[in-house]
N, C-alpha and C. Protein backbone atom coordinates (compact mmCIF):
# COMPACT_ATOMS: atom_id res chain seq x y z
N UNK A 1 35.00 -24.37 39.79
CA UNK A 1 36.49 -24.42 39.40
C UNK A 1 37.59 -24.24 39.29
N UNK A 2 37.92 -24.39 41.04
CA UNK A 2 39.18 -24.56 41.41
C UNK A 2 39.14 -26.19 41.50
N UNK A 3 37.97 -27.47 41.57
CA UNK A 3 38.66 -28.40 41.33
C UNK A 3 38.54 -28.45 40.00
N UNK A 4 38.84 -27.97 39.19
CA UNK A 4 39.74 -27.91 37.65
C UNK A 4 41.36 -27.88 38.04
N UNK A 5 41.73 -27.26 38.59
CA UNK A 5 43.65 -27.48 39.41
C UNK A 5 43.48 -28.30 39.81
N UNK A 6 44.05 -29.73 38.85
CA UNK A 6 44.58 -31.09 39.01
C UNK A 6 45.76 -31.27 39.54
N UNK A 7 45.48 -31.95 40.54
CA UNK A 7 47.02 -32.18 41.31
C UNK A 7 47.06 -32.49 42.60
N UNK A 8 48.13 -32.85 43.39
CA UNK A 8 48.10 -33.58 44.71
C UNK A 8 49.61 -33.27 44.97
N UNK A 9 50.35 -32.81 44.35
CA UNK A 9 51.63 -31.88 44.44
C UNK A 9 51.69 -30.75 45.21
N UNK A 10 52.32 -30.81 46.11
CA UNK A 10 53.13 -29.84 47.39
C UNK A 10 52.69 -28.67 46.81
N UNK A 11 53.11 -28.42 45.40
CA UNK A 11 53.07 -26.89 44.77
C UNK A 11 51.44 -26.39 44.10
N UNK A 12 50.90 -27.00 43.91
CA UNK A 12 49.62 -27.34 43.70
C UNK A 12 48.88 -27.33 44.58
N UNK A 13 48.98 -27.40 45.52
CA UNK A 13 47.78 -28.04 46.92
C UNK A 13 48.28 -26.20 47.31
N UNK A 14 49.65 -26.32 47.53
CA UNK A 14 49.84 -24.65 48.02
C UNK A 14 48.80 -23.38 47.26
N UNK A 15 48.92 -23.36 45.65
CA UNK A 15 48.25 -23.11 45.05
C UNK A 15 47.10 -22.44 44.74
N UNK A 16 46.35 -23.61 45.30
CA UNK A 16 44.91 -23.53 45.48
C UNK A 16 44.67 -22.90 46.49
N UNK A 17 45.25 -23.72 47.80
CA UNK A 17 45.12 -22.43 49.10
C UNK A 17 44.97 -20.85 49.01
N UNK A 18 46.37 -20.38 48.32
CA UNK A 18 46.33 -19.45 47.57
C UNK A 18 45.47 -18.65 46.92
N UNK A 19 44.20 -19.46 46.44
CA UNK A 19 43.43 -18.66 45.42
C UNK A 19 42.38 -18.65 46.31
N UNK A 20 42.53 -19.64 47.01
CA UNK A 20 41.71 -19.73 48.56
C UNK A 20 41.07 -18.72 49.05
N UNK A 21 42.07 -17.93 49.57
CA UNK A 21 42.57 -17.18 50.90
C UNK A 21 42.47 -15.60 49.88
N UNK A 22 42.98 -15.68 48.57
CA UNK A 22 42.70 -13.87 48.48
C UNK A 22 42.09 -13.96 47.13
N UNK A 23 41.05 -14.58 47.02
CA UNK A 23 40.11 -14.86 46.32
C UNK A 23 38.44 -13.72 46.33
N UNK A 24 38.59 -14.05 47.45
CA UNK A 24 37.22 -12.88 48.49
C UNK A 24 37.85 -11.50 48.47
N UNK A 25 39.16 -11.24 48.21
CA UNK A 25 39.84 -9.87 48.54
C UNK A 25 39.40 -8.98 47.13
N UNK A 26 39.95 -7.60 47.31
CA UNK A 26 39.74 -6.97 45.94
C UNK A 26 41.39 -7.06 44.98
N UNK A 27 42.29 -7.27 46.03
CA UNK A 27 43.46 -7.21 45.14
C UNK A 27 43.87 -7.51 44.33
N UNK A 28 44.28 -6.56 43.36
CA UNK A 28 45.04 -6.87 42.02
C UNK A 28 46.31 -8.11 42.04
N UNK A 29 45.48 -9.20 40.99
CA UNK A 29 46.41 -10.42 41.21
C UNK A 29 47.45 -10.57 39.96
N UNK A 30 48.83 -10.54 39.93
CA UNK A 30 49.36 -11.20 38.69
C UNK A 30 50.27 -12.47 38.99
N UNK A 31 49.46 -13.12 37.82
CA UNK A 31 49.76 -14.87 37.55
C UNK A 31 51.19 -14.67 36.65
N UNK A 32 52.06 -15.51 37.13
CA UNK A 32 54.03 -16.12 36.49
C UNK A 32 53.65 -17.24 35.77
N UNK A 33 54.11 -17.57 35.01
CA UNK A 33 54.18 -19.16 34.37
C UNK A 33 54.57 -19.23 33.09
N UNK A 34 55.09 -20.44 32.90
CA UNK A 34 55.15 -20.68 31.05
C UNK A 34 53.86 -20.74 30.65
N UNK A 35 54.41 -20.57 29.40
CA UNK A 35 52.97 -20.87 28.56
C UNK A 35 52.34 -21.87 28.21
N UNK A 36 50.71 -22.27 28.94
CA UNK A 36 50.71 -23.41 28.98
C UNK A 36 50.79 -24.39 30.15
N UNK A 37 50.93 -23.43 31.18
CA UNK A 37 50.97 -23.82 32.46
C UNK A 37 49.57 -24.06 33.53
N UNK A 38 48.43 -22.88 32.37
CA UNK A 38 47.11 -23.06 32.70
C UNK A 38 46.53 -21.44 34.04
N UNK A 39 47.62 -20.50 32.90
CA UNK A 39 47.11 -19.05 33.59
C UNK A 39 45.62 -18.38 33.88
N UNK A 40 45.13 -18.44 32.74
CA UNK A 40 43.57 -18.60 32.56
C UNK A 40 43.02 -19.30 33.51
N UNK A 41 43.08 -20.78 33.15
CA UNK A 41 42.52 -21.35 34.55
C UNK A 41 42.29 -20.81 35.96
N UNK A 42 43.54 -20.18 36.08
CA UNK A 42 43.53 -19.68 37.19
C UNK A 42 42.80 -18.63 37.62
N UNK A 43 42.88 -17.65 36.66
CA UNK A 43 42.48 -16.06 36.82
C UNK A 43 40.85 -16.51 37.01
N UNK A 44 40.24 -17.55 36.26
CA UNK A 44 39.15 -17.57 36.40
C UNK A 44 38.26 -18.42 37.93
N UNK A 45 39.36 -19.20 38.46
CA UNK A 45 39.29 -20.22 39.81
C UNK A 45 39.36 -18.16 40.30
N UNK A 46 39.96 -17.60 40.98
CA UNK A 46 39.97 -16.10 41.54
C UNK A 46 39.13 -15.45 41.15
N UNK A 47 38.05 -15.86 40.03
CA UNK A 47 37.05 -14.67 39.81
C UNK A 47 35.93 -15.63 40.25
N UNK A 48 35.83 -17.09 40.13
CA UNK A 48 34.57 -18.01 40.69
C UNK A 48 34.61 -18.03 42.13
N UNK A 49 35.87 -17.82 43.08
CA UNK A 49 35.62 -17.87 44.15
C UNK A 49 35.78 -16.80 45.15
N UNK A 50 35.51 -15.89 44.06
CA UNK A 50 35.20 -14.61 44.62
C UNK A 50 33.44 -13.34 44.63
N UNK A 51 33.66 -12.47 45.69
CA UNK A 51 32.26 -12.04 45.72
C UNK A 51 31.53 -11.94 44.22
N UNK A 52 32.57 -11.46 43.48
CA UNK A 52 32.39 -10.80 41.80
C UNK A 52 31.85 -11.87 40.83
N UNK A 53 31.46 -13.31 41.14
CA UNK A 53 31.76 -14.43 40.39
C UNK A 53 29.84 -14.92 40.10
N UNK A 54 29.14 -13.73 40.13
CA UNK A 54 27.88 -13.56 39.42
C UNK A 54 27.97 -12.70 38.61
N UNK A 55 29.40 -12.01 38.16
CA UNK A 55 29.36 -11.07 37.16
C UNK A 55 30.10 -11.28 36.00
N UNK A 56 30.77 -10.48 35.41
CA UNK A 56 31.66 -11.34 34.16
C UNK A 56 32.52 -11.53 34.64
N UNK A 57 33.24 -12.54 33.50
CA UNK A 57 34.93 -12.62 33.56
C UNK A 57 35.23 -12.35 32.22
N UNK A 58 35.85 -11.42 32.24
CA UNK A 58 36.22 -10.62 30.63
C UNK A 58 38.11 -10.97 30.40
N UNK A 59 37.99 -12.20 29.72
CA UNK A 59 39.32 -12.74 28.98
C UNK A 59 39.91 -11.93 27.81
N UNK A 60 41.08 -10.80 27.73
CA UNK A 60 41.34 -10.00 26.56
C UNK A 60 43.07 -10.74 26.95
N UNK A 61 43.80 -11.24 25.35
CA UNK A 61 44.75 -11.45 25.34
C UNK A 61 45.49 -10.04 24.94
N UNK A 62 46.50 -9.56 25.26
CA UNK A 62 46.90 -8.03 25.48
C UNK A 62 47.79 -8.92 23.69
N UNK A 63 48.70 -9.45 23.38
CA UNK A 63 49.18 -10.10 22.87
C UNK A 63 48.63 -10.15 21.34
N UNK A 64 47.48 -10.41 21.81
CA UNK A 64 46.65 -11.00 20.33
C UNK A 64 45.80 -9.47 19.40
N UNK A 65 45.55 -8.61 20.08
CA UNK A 65 45.24 -7.14 19.61
C UNK A 65 46.31 -6.59 18.58
N UNK A 66 45.81 -6.60 17.67
CA UNK A 66 46.24 -4.95 16.34
C UNK A 66 46.46 -4.17 17.43
N UNK A 67 47.67 -3.37 16.96
CA UNK A 67 48.26 -2.35 18.33
C UNK A 67 47.37 -1.03 17.38
N UNK A 68 46.69 -1.09 16.19
CA UNK A 68 45.95 0.30 15.79
C UNK A 68 44.53 0.26 16.64
N UNK A 69 44.02 -1.42 16.98
CA UNK A 69 43.15 -1.45 18.12
C UNK A 69 42.89 -1.59 19.49
N UNK A 70 44.43 -1.59 19.94
CA UNK A 70 44.38 -1.51 21.39
C UNK A 70 43.73 -0.72 22.09
N UNK A 71 43.45 0.14 22.07
CA UNK A 71 42.70 1.29 22.18
C UNK A 71 41.35 1.16 22.35
N UNK A 72 41.18 1.27 21.16
CA UNK A 72 39.62 1.17 21.37
C UNK A 72 38.72 0.08 21.65
N UNK A 73 39.89 -1.05 21.82
CA UNK A 73 39.03 -2.22 22.28
C UNK A 73 39.76 -2.57 24.11
N UNK A 74 40.38 -1.68 25.01
CA UNK A 74 40.28 -1.40 26.28
C UNK A 74 39.59 -0.43 27.02
N UNK A 75 39.09 0.56 26.00
CA UNK A 75 38.62 1.94 26.49
C UNK A 75 37.39 2.45 25.46
N UNK A 76 37.18 1.51 24.91
CA UNK A 76 35.77 1.93 24.15
C UNK A 76 36.01 2.92 23.05
N UNK A 77 34.94 3.70 22.00
CA UNK A 77 35.01 4.02 21.51
C UNK A 77 33.55 4.80 21.22
N UNK A 78 33.48 5.86 20.38
CA UNK A 78 32.40 6.74 20.27
C UNK A 78 32.02 6.86 18.73
N UNK A 79 30.73 6.40 18.91
CA UNK A 79 30.27 6.53 16.89
C UNK A 79 30.90 8.41 16.75
N UNK A 80 31.84 7.87 15.26
CA UNK A 80 32.66 8.77 14.36
C UNK A 80 33.77 8.49 15.38
N UNK A 81 34.52 8.58 15.82
CA UNK A 81 35.50 8.41 16.92
C UNK A 81 36.55 8.03 15.41
N UNK A 82 36.52 7.37 14.48
CA UNK A 82 37.96 6.90 13.09
C UNK A 82 36.99 5.82 12.59
N UNK A 83 37.52 6.05 11.42
CA UNK A 83 36.80 5.40 10.02
C UNK A 83 36.43 4.26 10.50
N UNK A 84 35.30 3.91 9.74
CA UNK A 84 34.91 2.27 10.47
C UNK A 84 33.61 2.40 11.63
N UNK A 85 33.96 3.31 12.75
CA UNK A 85 33.31 3.81 14.08
C UNK A 85 31.61 4.00 14.17
N UNK A 86 31.19 2.79 13.12
CA UNK A 86 29.66 3.06 13.22
C UNK A 86 28.77 3.65 14.26
N UNK A 87 29.09 2.36 15.48
CA UNK A 87 28.52 2.83 16.73
C UNK A 87 29.19 3.01 17.84
N UNK A 88 29.17 3.44 18.98
CA UNK A 88 29.42 3.61 20.05
C UNK A 88 29.91 2.13 20.87
N UNK A 89 30.87 1.77 21.43
CA UNK A 89 31.31 0.56 21.74
C UNK A 89 31.42 1.16 23.21
N UNK A 90 31.66 0.28 23.85
CA UNK A 90 31.95 -0.14 25.95
C UNK A 90 33.30 -0.96 25.01
N UNK A 91 34.79 -0.10 26.17
CA UNK A 91 35.56 -1.02 25.80
C UNK A 91 35.54 -2.58 27.67
N UNK A 92 36.77 -3.15 27.30
CA UNK A 92 36.40 -4.21 28.16
C UNK A 92 36.43 -3.95 30.13
N UNK A 93 36.90 -2.72 30.01
CA UNK A 93 36.50 -2.19 31.40
C UNK A 93 34.85 -2.04 31.83
N UNK A 94 34.48 -1.35 30.79
CA UNK A 94 33.03 -1.02 31.18
C UNK A 94 32.48 -2.82 30.99
N UNK A 95 33.18 -3.53 30.49
CA UNK A 95 32.28 -4.96 29.75
C UNK A 95 32.51 -5.60 31.24
N UNK A 96 33.32 -5.86 32.02
CA UNK A 96 33.91 -5.90 33.34
C UNK A 96 32.97 -5.88 33.92
N UNK A 97 32.16 -4.70 34.06
CA UNK A 97 31.73 -4.10 35.09
C UNK A 97 31.07 -4.91 36.58
N UNK A 98 32.08 -4.51 37.63
CA UNK A 98 31.12 -5.30 39.12
C UNK A 98 32.01 -6.91 38.83
N UNK A 99 33.00 -7.04 37.73
CA UNK A 99 33.11 -8.38 37.51
C UNK A 99 34.33 -8.90 37.35
N UNK A 100 35.71 -9.35 36.93
CA UNK A 100 36.80 -9.69 36.84
C UNK A 100 36.91 -9.44 35.17
N UNK A 101 38.12 -8.61 34.65
CA UNK A 101 39.30 -8.49 33.79
C UNK A 101 40.17 -9.14 34.24
N UNK A 102 40.93 -9.85 33.48
CA UNK A 102 41.88 -11.44 32.59
C UNK A 102 42.43 -10.40 31.71
N UNK A 103 43.87 -9.45 31.54
CA UNK A 103 44.92 -9.02 30.92
C UNK A 103 45.98 -9.78 30.86
N UNK A 104 45.77 -11.05 29.29
CA UNK A 104 46.67 -11.81 29.54
C UNK A 104 48.26 -11.50 29.01
N UNK A 105 49.25 -11.91 28.87
CA UNK A 105 50.09 -11.26 28.17
C UNK A 105 50.50 -9.75 28.30
N UNK A 106 50.22 -9.66 29.49
CA UNK A 106 50.32 -8.01 29.52
C UNK A 106 51.61 -6.93 29.43
N UNK A 107 52.66 -7.97 29.20
CA UNK A 107 53.71 -7.91 28.82
C UNK A 107 53.91 -6.60 27.59
N UNK A 108 52.87 -7.38 26.90
CA UNK A 108 52.85 -7.32 24.88
C UNK A 108 51.88 -5.55 25.32
N UNK A 109 51.37 -5.17 26.10
CA UNK A 109 50.39 -3.57 26.40
C UNK A 109 51.55 -3.09 25.89
N UNK A 110 51.43 -1.95 24.70
CA UNK A 110 52.17 -0.76 24.19
C UNK A 110 52.24 0.12 25.55
N UNK A 111 53.51 0.88 25.54
CA UNK A 111 53.87 1.73 26.50
C UNK A 111 52.57 3.18 26.56
N UNK A 112 52.24 3.65 25.47
CA UNK A 112 51.14 4.41 25.58
C UNK A 112 50.11 4.32 26.53
N UNK A 113 49.80 2.81 26.21
CA UNK A 113 48.54 2.19 26.88
C UNK A 113 48.75 1.81 28.12
N UNK A 114 50.05 1.06 28.94
CA UNK A 114 50.37 1.31 30.28
C UNK A 114 50.09 2.61 31.06
N UNK A 115 50.34 3.80 30.74
CA UNK A 115 50.07 4.25 30.85
C UNK A 115 48.51 5.22 31.20
N UNK A 116 47.96 4.49 30.62
CA UNK A 116 46.43 4.70 30.76
C UNK A 116 45.47 3.99 31.45
N UNK A 117 46.08 2.47 31.32
CA UNK A 117 45.92 1.49 32.65
C UNK A 117 46.25 2.09 33.61
N UNK A 118 47.80 2.53 33.95
CA UNK A 118 47.54 3.19 35.31
C UNK A 118 46.60 3.69 35.87
N UNK A 119 46.32 5.04 35.02
CA UNK A 119 45.37 6.25 35.31
C UNK A 119 43.99 5.21 35.76
N UNK A 120 43.31 4.32 34.69
CA UNK A 120 42.63 3.37 34.64
C UNK A 120 42.74 2.90 36.15
N UNK A 121 42.99 2.45 36.68
CA UNK A 121 43.55 1.85 37.89
C UNK A 121 43.47 2.69 39.17
N UNK A 122 44.39 3.88 39.58
CA UNK A 122 44.27 5.31 39.99
C UNK A 122 42.51 5.39 40.36
N UNK A 123 42.65 5.85 38.79
CA UNK A 123 40.89 6.50 38.98
C UNK A 123 39.95 6.02 38.73
N UNK A 124 39.25 4.71 38.19
CA UNK A 124 38.94 4.14 38.30
C UNK A 124 37.05 4.53 37.59
N UNK A 125 37.87 5.50 36.44
CA UNK A 125 37.16 6.04 35.49
C UNK A 125 37.97 5.42 34.16
N UNK A 126 36.91 5.66 32.94
CA UNK A 126 37.95 5.61 31.81
C UNK A 126 37.02 6.85 30.62
N UNK A 127 37.61 7.08 29.63
CA UNK A 127 37.45 7.66 28.56
C UNK A 127 37.45 7.01 27.14
N UNK A 128 36.26 7.17 26.43
CA UNK A 128 35.80 6.39 25.48
C UNK A 128 37.14 7.49 24.76
N UNK A 129 37.46 6.52 23.64
CA UNK A 129 38.31 7.32 22.15
C UNK A 129 37.36 7.94 21.93
N UNK A 130 37.19 9.50 21.80
CA UNK A 130 36.65 10.45 21.06
C UNK A 130 35.34 10.75 21.82
N UNK A 131 35.23 10.30 23.10
CA UNK A 131 34.71 10.49 24.31
C UNK A 131 34.86 11.85 25.06
N UNK A 132 34.57 12.65 25.97
CA UNK A 132 34.44 13.86 26.37
C UNK A 132 34.44 13.37 28.06
N UNK A 133 33.52 12.07 28.32
CA UNK A 133 33.33 12.18 29.90
C UNK A 133 34.16 11.15 30.64
N UNK A 134 34.24 10.81 31.67
CA UNK A 134 34.80 10.00 32.31
C UNK A 134 33.42 8.87 33.11
N UNK A 135 34.18 7.90 32.69
CA UNK A 135 32.81 6.71 32.75
C UNK A 135 33.29 5.79 33.82
N UNK A 136 32.84 5.80 35.21
CA UNK A 136 33.37 5.07 36.22
C UNK A 136 32.91 3.50 35.96
N UNK A 137 33.69 3.34 36.04
CA UNK A 137 34.25 1.41 36.36
C UNK A 137 34.71 1.04 37.57
N UNK A 138 33.91 -0.57 37.77
CA UNK A 138 34.29 -1.11 38.51
C UNK A 138 34.58 -2.63 38.36
N UNK A 139 35.82 -3.30 38.57
CA UNK A 139 35.95 -4.72 38.37
C UNK A 139 37.33 -4.98 39.15
N UNK A 140 37.71 -6.55 39.52
CA UNK A 140 38.37 -6.74 39.91
C UNK A 140 40.06 -7.17 39.02
N UNK A 141 41.04 -6.74 38.77
CA UNK A 141 42.01 -7.16 37.67
C UNK A 141 42.69 -8.02 37.99
N UNK A 142 43.14 -9.00 36.98
CA UNK A 142 44.18 -10.13 37.29
C UNK A 142 44.57 -10.33 36.25
N UNK A 143 46.55 -10.08 35.81
CA UNK A 143 46.92 -9.79 34.61
C UNK A 143 47.66 -11.42 34.64
N UNK A 144 48.41 -11.67 33.58
CA UNK A 144 49.30 -12.72 33.38
C UNK A 144 50.86 -12.71 32.75
N UNK A 145 51.17 -13.31 32.93
CA UNK A 145 52.69 -13.32 31.66
C UNK A 145 53.37 -14.11 31.66
N UNK A 146 54.11 -14.26 30.44
CA UNK A 146 55.02 -15.82 30.29
C UNK A 146 56.70 -14.95 30.54
N UNK A 147 56.83 -13.96 30.94
CA UNK A 147 58.31 -13.52 30.68
C UNK A 147 58.69 -12.76 31.88
N UNK A 148 59.87 -12.95 31.96
CA UNK A 148 60.29 -11.71 33.15
C UNK A 148 60.26 -10.30 33.52
N UNK A 149 58.83 -9.70 34.05
CA UNK A 149 58.40 -8.52 33.96
C UNK A 149 59.40 -7.73 34.59
N UNK A 150 60.39 -8.04 34.99
CA UNK A 150 61.24 -7.19 36.12
C UNK A 150 62.33 -6.97 35.02
N UNK A 151 62.39 -7.59 34.27
CA UNK A 151 63.65 -7.06 33.64
C UNK A 151 62.62 -6.76 32.60
N UNK A 152 61.58 -6.50 32.04
CA UNK A 152 61.25 -5.97 31.08
C UNK A 152 61.00 -4.14 32.16
N UNK A 153 61.02 -3.89 33.04
CA UNK A 153 61.72 -2.76 34.12
C UNK A 153 62.63 -2.25 33.69
N UNK A 154 63.88 -3.03 33.99
CA UNK A 154 64.83 -3.08 33.27
C UNK A 154 65.57 -2.49 32.49
N UNK A 155 64.47 -3.01 31.49
CA UNK A 155 64.85 -2.59 29.78
C UNK A 155 64.02 -1.53 29.74
N UNK A 156 63.18 -0.87 30.11
CA UNK A 156 62.26 -0.33 30.00
C UNK A 156 61.40 -0.20 28.76
N UNK A 157 60.68 -1.44 29.07
CA UNK A 157 59.94 -1.90 27.86
C UNK A 157 58.40 -2.49 28.49
N UNK A 158 58.63 -1.95 30.26
CA UNK A 158 57.47 -2.19 30.94
C UNK A 158 57.29 -0.65 32.13
N UNK A 159 56.03 -0.28 32.43
CA UNK A 159 56.36 0.70 33.79
C UNK A 159 56.74 0.08 35.08
N UNK A 160 57.76 0.88 35.50
CA UNK A 160 57.80 0.67 36.93
C UNK A 160 56.60 0.51 38.02
N UNK A 161 56.33 1.88 37.97
CA UNK A 161 54.87 1.89 38.21
C UNK A 161 53.64 1.01 38.18
N UNK A 162 53.66 0.74 36.78
CA UNK A 162 52.52 -0.02 36.77
C UNK A 162 52.73 -1.61 37.17
N UNK A 163 53.75 -2.37 37.21
CA UNK A 163 54.10 -2.90 37.38
C UNK A 163 54.27 -3.45 39.11
N UNK A 164 54.64 -2.40 39.50
CA UNK A 164 54.16 -2.59 41.33
C UNK A 164 52.74 -2.81 41.52
N UNK A 165 51.83 -1.41 40.65
CA UNK A 165 50.07 -1.69 40.68
C UNK A 165 49.69 -3.61 40.39
N UNK A 166 50.13 -3.75 39.61
CA UNK A 166 49.94 -5.25 39.09
C UNK A 166 49.99 -6.05 40.20
N UNK A 167 51.73 -5.98 40.84
CA UNK A 167 51.95 -6.96 41.62
C UNK A 167 51.38 -6.89 42.74
N UNK A 168 50.73 -6.45 43.09
CA UNK A 168 50.03 -6.47 44.61
C UNK A 168 50.10 -8.32 45.43
N UNK A 169 49.33 -8.89 44.51
CA UNK A 169 49.87 -10.98 44.95
C UNK A 169 50.26 -11.10 43.53
N UNK A 170 51.42 -11.99 44.19
CA UNK A 170 51.62 -12.98 42.40
C UNK A 170 51.18 -14.44 42.79
N UNK A 171 51.34 -15.47 42.00
CA UNK A 171 50.98 -16.62 41.52
C UNK A 171 51.89 -16.91 40.57
N UNK A 172 52.85 -17.77 41.03
CA UNK A 172 53.99 -18.74 40.72
C UNK A 172 53.27 -19.89 40.26
N UNK A 173 52.89 -19.76 38.74
CA UNK A 173 51.76 -21.46 38.30
C UNK A 173 53.77 -22.47 38.11
N UNK A 174 53.82 -23.45 38.49
CA UNK A 174 54.63 -24.08 38.29
C UNK A 174 55.00 -25.28 37.04
N UNK A 175 56.17 -25.32 36.48
CA UNK A 175 56.03 -26.27 35.05
C UNK A 175 55.52 -27.50 35.23
N UNK A 176 55.19 -27.82 34.74
CA UNK A 176 54.90 -29.54 34.09
C UNK A 176 56.05 -30.55 34.29
N UNK A 177 57.12 -30.16 34.12
CA UNK A 177 58.06 -31.29 34.75
C UNK A 177 58.84 -30.80 36.10
N UNK A 178 57.90 -29.89 36.73
CA UNK A 178 58.11 -29.86 37.99
C UNK A 178 56.77 -30.65 39.05
N UNK A 179 55.90 -31.28 38.31
CA UNK A 179 55.25 -31.94 39.28
C UNK A 179 54.32 -33.14 38.63
N UNK A 180 55.46 -33.58 37.80
CA UNK A 180 55.26 -35.29 37.08
C UNK A 180 54.46 -36.04 38.20
N UNK A 181 54.57 -36.13 39.63
CA UNK A 181 53.44 -36.81 40.70
C UNK A 181 52.25 -36.87 40.13
N UNK A 182 51.85 -35.14 39.49
CA UNK A 182 50.34 -34.87 38.48
C UNK A 182 50.14 -36.15 37.20
N UNK A 183 51.47 -36.58 36.69
CA UNK A 183 50.67 -36.66 35.36
C UNK A 183 49.69 -38.20 35.68
N UNK A 184 49.20 -38.54 36.34
CA UNK A 184 48.41 -40.06 35.57
C UNK A 184 47.12 -39.28 36.06
N UNK A 185 46.63 -37.84 36.79
CA UNK A 185 45.64 -37.64 36.87
C UNK A 185 45.57 -36.39 36.09
N UNK A 186 46.21 -35.85 35.23
CA UNK A 186 45.98 -35.15 34.24
C UNK A 186 46.01 -35.76 32.85
N UNK A 187 46.72 -36.98 32.57
CA UNK A 187 46.38 -37.79 31.77
C UNK A 187 44.62 -38.69 31.57
N UNK A 188 44.39 -39.16 32.89
CA UNK A 188 43.22 -39.79 33.53
C UNK A 188 42.01 -38.68 32.81
N UNK A 189 42.41 -37.15 33.18
CA UNK A 189 41.22 -36.33 32.94
C UNK A 189 41.51 -36.13 31.26
N UNK A 190 41.98 -36.14 30.41
CA UNK A 190 42.20 -36.19 29.34
C UNK A 190 41.62 -36.59 28.05
N UNK A 191 41.93 -38.08 29.14
CA UNK A 191 41.32 -38.91 28.13
C UNK A 191 39.98 -39.01 28.35
N UNK A 192 39.65 -38.91 29.70
CA UNK A 192 37.66 -39.03 29.59
C UNK A 192 37.01 -37.93 28.89
N UNK A 193 38.07 -36.92 29.15
CA UNK A 193 37.13 -35.48 28.27
C UNK A 193 37.12 -36.11 26.81
N UNK A 194 38.09 -36.23 26.14
CA UNK A 194 37.37 -36.65 24.84
C UNK A 194 37.39 -38.06 24.29
N UNK A 195 37.98 -38.72 25.38
CA UNK A 195 36.25 -40.05 25.13
C UNK A 195 35.42 -39.98 24.99
N UNK A 196 34.31 -38.82 25.59
CA UNK A 196 33.52 -38.14 25.75
C UNK A 196 32.85 -37.81 24.57
N UNK A 197 34.11 -36.90 23.77
CA UNK A 197 34.04 -35.48 22.88
C UNK A 197 33.38 -37.03 21.83
N UNK A 198 34.75 -37.84 21.72
CA UNK A 198 35.15 -39.16 20.75
C UNK A 198 33.81 -40.08 20.37
N UNK A 199 33.08 -39.71 21.74
CA UNK A 199 32.39 -41.18 22.07
C UNK A 199 33.75 -42.67 21.90
N UNK A 200 34.40 -42.93 22.66
CA UNK A 200 34.94 -43.55 22.57
C UNK A 200 34.96 -44.42 24.14
N UNK A 201 35.73 -45.70 24.30
CA UNK A 201 36.00 -46.37 25.44
C UNK A 201 37.45 -45.19 26.45
N UNK A 202 37.42 -45.26 26.98
CA UNK A 202 38.24 -44.45 28.31
C UNK A 202 39.23 -45.95 28.00
N UNK A 203 40.46 -45.27 27.38
CA UNK A 203 41.78 -46.32 27.48
C UNK A 203 42.47 -46.68 29.28
N UNK A 204 43.08 -48.03 28.73
CA UNK A 204 43.38 -47.77 30.15
C UNK A 204 44.77 -47.76 30.10
N UNK A 205 46.01 -47.09 31.64
CA UNK A 205 47.01 -46.95 31.10
C UNK A 205 47.66 -47.25 32.61
N UNK A 206 48.73 -48.08 31.66
CA UNK A 206 50.09 -48.43 32.87
C UNK A 206 51.74 -47.79 33.57
N UNK A 207 51.58 -48.37 33.65
CA UNK A 207 52.89 -47.23 34.70
C UNK A 207 54.17 -47.55 33.52
N UNK A 208 54.23 -48.54 32.90
CA UNK A 208 55.30 -48.11 31.96
C UNK A 208 55.14 -47.21 30.91
N UNK A 209 53.69 -46.98 30.57
CA UNK A 209 53.51 -45.64 30.26
C UNK A 209 54.04 -44.13 30.30
N UNK A 210 53.23 -44.53 32.14
CA UNK A 210 53.63 -43.33 32.45
C UNK A 210 54.86 -42.69 32.89
N UNK A 211 55.98 -43.99 33.35
CA UNK A 211 57.22 -43.65 33.03
C UNK A 211 57.81 -43.47 31.88
N UNK A 212 57.91 -43.89 30.59
CA UNK A 212 58.11 -43.22 29.34
C UNK A 212 57.71 -41.80 29.44
N UNK A 213 56.99 -41.26 29.62
CA UNK A 213 56.67 -40.03 29.04
C UNK A 213 57.11 -39.02 30.04
N UNK A 214 57.68 -39.59 31.24
CA UNK A 214 58.14 -38.65 32.18
C UNK A 214 60.06 -38.39 31.42
N UNK A 215 59.64 -39.24 30.46
CA UNK A 215 61.65 -39.40 30.35
C UNK A 215 61.30 -37.69 29.18
N UNK A 216 60.11 -37.25 29.14
CA UNK A 216 60.44 -36.12 28.20
C UNK A 216 60.22 -34.58 29.09
N UNK A 217 60.32 -33.86 28.59
CA UNK A 217 60.38 -32.40 29.69
C UNK A 217 59.28 -31.52 29.70
N UNK A 218 58.82 -31.80 28.47
CA UNK A 218 56.96 -31.23 28.35
C UNK A 218 57.51 -29.89 28.46
N UNK A 219 58.11 -29.33 27.33
CA UNK A 219 58.27 -27.72 27.43
C UNK A 219 56.91 -26.61 27.15
N UNK A 220 56.32 -27.63 26.18
CA UNK A 220 54.64 -27.03 26.24
C UNK A 220 53.88 -26.99 27.42
N UNK A 221 54.10 -27.84 28.46
CA UNK A 221 53.68 -27.47 29.70
C UNK A 221 52.35 -28.58 29.49
N UNK A 222 51.05 -28.01 30.47
CA UNK A 222 49.86 -28.60 30.66
C UNK A 222 49.35 -28.70 28.82
N UNK A 223 49.05 -27.92 28.10
CA UNK A 223 48.53 -27.69 26.92
C UNK A 223 49.18 -28.71 26.43
N UNK A 224 50.56 -28.70 26.04
CA UNK A 224 51.22 -29.51 25.30
C UNK A 224 51.10 -31.31 25.24
N UNK A 225 50.74 -31.16 27.04
CA UNK A 225 49.79 -32.59 27.22
C UNK A 225 49.04 -33.08 26.69
N UNK A 226 47.99 -32.18 26.47
CA UNK A 226 46.99 -32.60 25.92
C UNK A 226 46.30 -32.55 25.07
N UNK A 227 47.59 -31.74 24.27
CA UNK A 227 47.59 -32.00 22.48
C UNK A 227 48.15 -33.27 22.07
């Protein structure tokens, strides 16, 4: 997975080296970067390079979960705990057992759930919605955000104690406009990928094309480039 982080720019080389260094540890990692910079790719690389790579990688986008379902999805629920709960279901902490849990857009997690997440990290146990017993869990946590969490803490939108618990090691992903020398390799990667998908020959690219697209700032970063 590490080889999928394409680029020879110094910021990318340093990032790959940092991932290799921290992946074998159990440290919680906070991945920072604008939308489209590849935060989930970095989280997957950490998992793949870790001792937990043979077990599950469970990605969760906190911003995509309806607020009424957050507790059930994160912590699981027991049968009959709410209308429609016809069966007991494990939450994402249980599903990530001995693997890695990736919580993207962690800033979108409601404050009451932040309290419960902090308790899980401290106690390494979860209690399902409607349940009465503590369930031991063993997982590595990687979180990500595209906002300034420190500002959220100052504005009382994010718990200070949870922030320090998550920000043990941080990885800042560069914007695409900060690594324009990686454009040829990235373009070739995407051209090859979609040429195979659509059964077409890989087109040639010349320097005039590269020169032209570097005039654009790419606010959507690598995702925009691929699209």
